[in-house]
C-alpha atoms as a PDB file:
ATOM      1  CA  MET A   1     -28.312 -18.357  11.932  1.00  0.00           C
ATOM      2  CA  ASP A   2     -24.625 -18.272  12.133  1.00  0.00           C
ATOM      3  CA  SER A   3     -22.514 -17.330   9.277  1.00  0.00           C
ATOM      4  CA  PRO A   4     -19.988 -20.264   7.950  1.00  0.00           C
ATOM      5  CA  PRO A   5     -16.432 -19.753   9.135  1.00  0.00           C
ATOM      6  CA  ALA A   6     -14.675 -17.612   6.432  1.00  0.00           C
ATOM      7  CA  ILE A   7     -11.531 -15.518   6.054  1.00  0.00           C
ATOM      8  CA  LEU A   8     -12.623 -12.041   6.373  1.00  0.00           C
ATOM      9  CA  VAL A   9     -11.400  -9.191   4.024  1.00  0.00           C
ATOM     10  CA  HIS A  10     -11.884  -5.469   5.273  1.00  0.00           C
ATOM     11  CA  VAL A  11     -11.109  -3.399   2.296  1.00  0.00           C
ATOM     12  CA  HIS A  12     -11.066   0.255   2.656  1.00  0.00           C
ATOM     13  CA  GLN A  13     -14.073   2.063   0.883  1.00  0.00           C
ATOM     14  CA  VAL A  14     -12.478   3.544  -1.937  1.00  0.00           C
ATOM     15  CA  ILE A  15     -11.112   0.009  -3.241  1.00  0.00           C
ATOM     16  CA  ASP A  16     -12.941  -0.681  -6.371  1.00  0.00           C
ATOM     17  CA  GLY A  17     -14.694  -4.169  -6.180  1.00  0.00           C
ATOM     18  CA  ARG A  18     -13.488  -4.984  -9.645  1.00  0.00           C
ATOM     19  CA  HIS A  19     -10.035  -4.724  -8.318  1.00  0.00           C
ATOM     20  CA  LEU A  20     -10.608  -7.464  -5.875  1.00  0.00           C
ATOM     21  CA  THR A  21     -11.713  -9.924  -8.281  1.00  0.00           C
ATOM     22  CA  ASP A  22      -8.369 -12.136  -8.606  1.00  0.00           C
ATOM     23  CA  LEU A  23      -7.517 -11.877  -4.853  1.00  0.00           C
ATOM     24  CA  LEU A  24     -10.987 -13.400  -4.000  1.00  0.00           C
ATOM     25  CA  LEU A  25     -10.866 -16.213  -7.011  1.00  0.00           C
ATOM     26  CA  GLY A  26      -7.411 -17.126  -5.272  1.00  0.00           C
ATOM     27  CA  ILE A  27      -9.262 -17.540  -1.998  1.00  0.00           C
ATOM     28  CA  GLU A  28     -12.290 -19.457  -3.447  1.00  0.00           C
ATOM     29  CA  GLU A  29     -10.082 -21.409  -5.621  1.00  0.00           C
ATOM     30  CA  GLU A  30      -8.643 -23.078  -2.490  1.00  0.00           C
ATOM     31  CA  GLY A  31     -12.521 -24.026  -1.465  1.00  0.00           C
ATOM     32  CA  VAL A  32     -12.044 -21.300   1.582  1.00  0.00           C
ATOM     33  CA  PRO A  33     -15.325 -19.263   2.282  1.00  0.00           C
ATOM     34  CA  VAL A  34     -14.719 -15.609   2.041  1.00  0.00           C
ATOM     35  CA  GLU A  35     -16.503 -12.410   3.158  1.00  0.00           C
ATOM     36  CA  VAL A  36     -15.806  -8.673   2.272  1.00  0.00           C
ATOM     37  CA  THR A  37     -16.696  -5.639   4.008  1.00  0.00           C
ATOM     38  CA  ARG A  38     -15.585  -1.977   3.591  1.00  0.00           C
ATOM     39  CA  HIS A  39     -14.259   0.118   6.128  1.00  0.00           C
ATOM     40  CA  ASP A  40     -13.201   3.897   6.562  1.00  0.00           C
ATOM     41  CA  HIS A  41      -9.788   3.122   8.239  1.00  0.00           C
ATOM     42  CA  LEU A  42      -6.930   3.653   5.831  1.00  0.00           C
ATOM     43  CA  ASN A  43      -4.259   1.484   7.465  1.00  0.00           C
ATOM     44  CA  PRO A  44      -3.998  -1.979   6.336  1.00  0.00           C
ATOM     45  CA  LEU A  45      -2.453  -3.183   9.232  1.00  0.00           C
ATOM     46  CA  VAL A  46      -5.274  -2.412  11.248  1.00  0.00           C
ATOM     47  CA  LEU A  47      -7.917  -3.743   8.689  1.00  0.00           C
ATOM     48  CA  ALA A  48      -6.057  -7.095   8.752  1.00  0.00           C
ATOM     49  CA  HIS A  49      -5.785  -7.424  12.498  1.00  0.00           C
ATOM     50  CA  ASP A  50      -9.344  -6.422  13.067  1.00  0.00           C
ATOM     51  CA  ALA A  51     -10.717  -9.035  10.274  1.00  0.00           C
ATOM     52  CA  ALA A  52      -8.317 -11.620  11.722  1.00  0.00           C
ATOM     53  CA  VAL A  53      -9.654 -11.238  15.220  1.00  0.00           C
ATOM     54  CA  THR A  54     -13.102 -11.057  14.222  1.00  0.00           C
ATOM     55  CA  SER A  55     -12.816 -14.193  11.562  1.00  0.00           C
ATOM     56  CA  ARG A  56     -13.986 -17.435  13.081  1.00  0.00           C
ATOM     57  CA  LEU A  57     -10.921 -18.811  11.212  1.00  0.00           C
ATOM     58  CA  GLY A  58      -8.482 -16.712  12.516  1.00  0.00           C
ATOM     59  CA  ILE A  59      -7.294 -15.270   9.323  1.00  0.00           C
ATOM     60  CA  GLY A  60      -8.010 -11.679   8.073  1.00  0.00           C
ATOM     61  CA  LEU A  61      -6.779  -9.352   5.058  1.00  0.00           C
ATOM     62  CA  GLY A  62      -6.825  -5.696   4.965  1.00  0.00           C
ATOM     63  CA  ILE A  63      -6.553  -3.813   1.742  1.00  0.00           C
ATOM     64  CA  ALA A  64      -5.858   0.089   1.685  1.00  0.00           C
ATOM     65  CA  LEU A  65      -3.702   2.083   0.071  1.00  0.00           C
ATOM     66  CA  ASP A  66      -1.532  -0.106  -2.192  1.00  0.00           C
ATOM     67  CA  PHE A  67      -0.991  -2.763   0.238  1.00  0.00           C
ATOM     68  CA  VAL A  68      -2.629  -6.152   0.716  1.00  0.00           C
ATOM     69  CA  VAL A  69      -1.965  -7.486   4.257  1.00  0.00           C
ATOM     70  CA  ILE A  70      -2.488 -10.949   5.729  1.00  0.00           C
ATOM     71  CA  THR A  71      -2.220 -11.954   9.355  1.00  0.00           C
ATOM     72  CA  THR A  72      -3.667 -14.395  11.925  1.00  0.00           C
ATOM     73  CA  GLU A  73      -5.355 -13.659  15.067  1.00  0.00           C
ATOM     74  CA  LYS A  74      -2.415 -14.382  17.127  1.00  0.00           C
ATOM     75  CA  LEU A  75       0.013 -12.114  15.542  1.00  0.00           C
ATOM     76  CA  PRO A  76       0.413  -8.543  16.692  1.00  0.00           C
ATOM     77  CA  GLU A  77      -0.967  -5.598  14.750  1.00  0.00           C
ATOM     78  CA  SER A  78       2.415  -4.272  13.899  1.00  0.00           C
ATOM     79  CA  ARG A  79       3.764  -7.748  12.958  1.00  0.00           C
ATOM     80  CA  PRO A  80       1.876  -9.330  10.250  1.00  0.00           C
ATOM     81  CA  TYR A  81       2.199 -12.694   8.844  1.00  0.00           C
ATOM     82  CA  LEU A  82       2.521 -10.964   5.231  1.00  0.00           C
ATOM     83  CA  ALA A  83       2.377  -7.517   3.349  1.00  0.00           C
ATOM     84  CA  ARG A  84       2.380  -7.264  -0.230  1.00  0.00           C
ATOM     85  CA  THR A  85       1.719  -4.569  -2.805  1.00  0.00           C
ATOM     86  CA  PHE A  86      -1.800  -4.717  -4.044  1.00  0.00           C
ATOM     87  CA  HIS A  87      -1.597  -4.815  -7.980  1.00  0.00           C
ATOM     88  CA  ARG A  88      -5.256  -4.281  -8.236  1.00  0.00           C
ATOM     89  CA  GLY A  89      -5.670  -7.439 -10.498  1.00  0.00           C
ATOM     90  CA  GLY A  90      -3.622 -10.102 -11.837  1.00  0.00           C
ATOM     91  CA  PRO A  91      -1.753 -13.254 -11.033  1.00  0.00           C
ATOM     92  CA  ALA A  92       0.213 -11.778  -7.884  1.00  0.00           C
ATOM     93  CA  ASP A  93      -3.141 -10.942  -6.151  1.00  0.00           C
ATOM     94  CA  ARG A  94      -4.320 -14.270  -7.506  1.00  0.00           C
ATOM     95  CA  ILE A  95      -1.434 -15.765  -5.455  1.00  0.00           C
ATOM     96  CA  LEU A  96      -2.139 -13.726  -2.433  1.00  0.00           C
ATOM     97  CA  GLY A  97      -5.598 -14.733  -2.217  1.00  0.00           C
ATOM     98  CA  SER A  98      -4.594 -18.318  -2.461  1.00  0.00           C
ATOM     99  CA  ASN A  99      -1.967 -17.948   0.148  1.00  0.00           C
ATOM    100  CA  ALA A 100      -4.320 -16.571   2.457  1.00  0.00           C
ATOM    101  CA  ALA A 101      -6.454 -19.628   1.960  1.00  0.00           C
ATOM    102  CA  ARG A 102      -3.706 -21.915   2.290  1.00  0.00           C
ATOM    103  CA  LEU A 103      -2.785 -20.584   5.769  1.00  0.00           C
ATOM    104  CA  VAL A 104      -6.366 -21.765   6.980  1.00  0.00           C
ATOM    105  CA  LYS A 105      -5.724 -25.148   5.273  1.00  0.00           C
ATOM    106  CA  ARG A 106      -2.074 -25.493   6.943  1.00  0.00           C
ATOM    107  CA  ILE A 107      -0.424 -26.051   3.558  1.00  0.00           C
ATOM    108  CA  PRO A 108       2.627 -24.819   1.886  1.00  0.00           C
ATOM    109  CA  LEU A 109       2.199 -21.492   0.199  1.00  0.00           C
ATOM    110  CA  ARG A 110       2.452 -20.417  -3.391  1.00  0.00           C
ATOM    111  CA  ASP A 111       5.803 -19.019  -4.699  1.00  0.00           C
ATOM    112  CA  HIS A 112       4.815 -14.978  -4.981  1.00  0.00           C
ATOM    113  CA  PRO A 113       6.437 -13.519  -8.238  1.00  0.00           C
ATOM    114  CA  SER A 114       8.911 -10.965  -7.250  1.00  0.00           C
ATOM    115  CA  ALA A 115       8.312  -7.403  -7.544  1.00  0.00           C
ATOM    116  CA  PRO A 116       9.734  -5.758 -10.953  1.00  0.00           C
END
């Protein structure tokens, strides 16, 4: 049986799952399914691109080091749609998740708080 279309999130294996909570809640609050998998690759650009081209929705996130990268299957790996600092929890990460889901829904993105 096929799984439902979902945003794929490829996460480097050392990122603690607890740190993903706000980002994942942001996606789920928009009503878009999400699937998280762990990977050895340390480059968030590569993780995001691989997730996007694998996702039936064409949207992928890569999380590694201190970055979250959001991209689409149509963008080149080196030119993602959005790259931001991963705060490992909190409102900024929740907005990133929400914005990934909003790409799928083709509705305006939420404003991201400025970096301190």
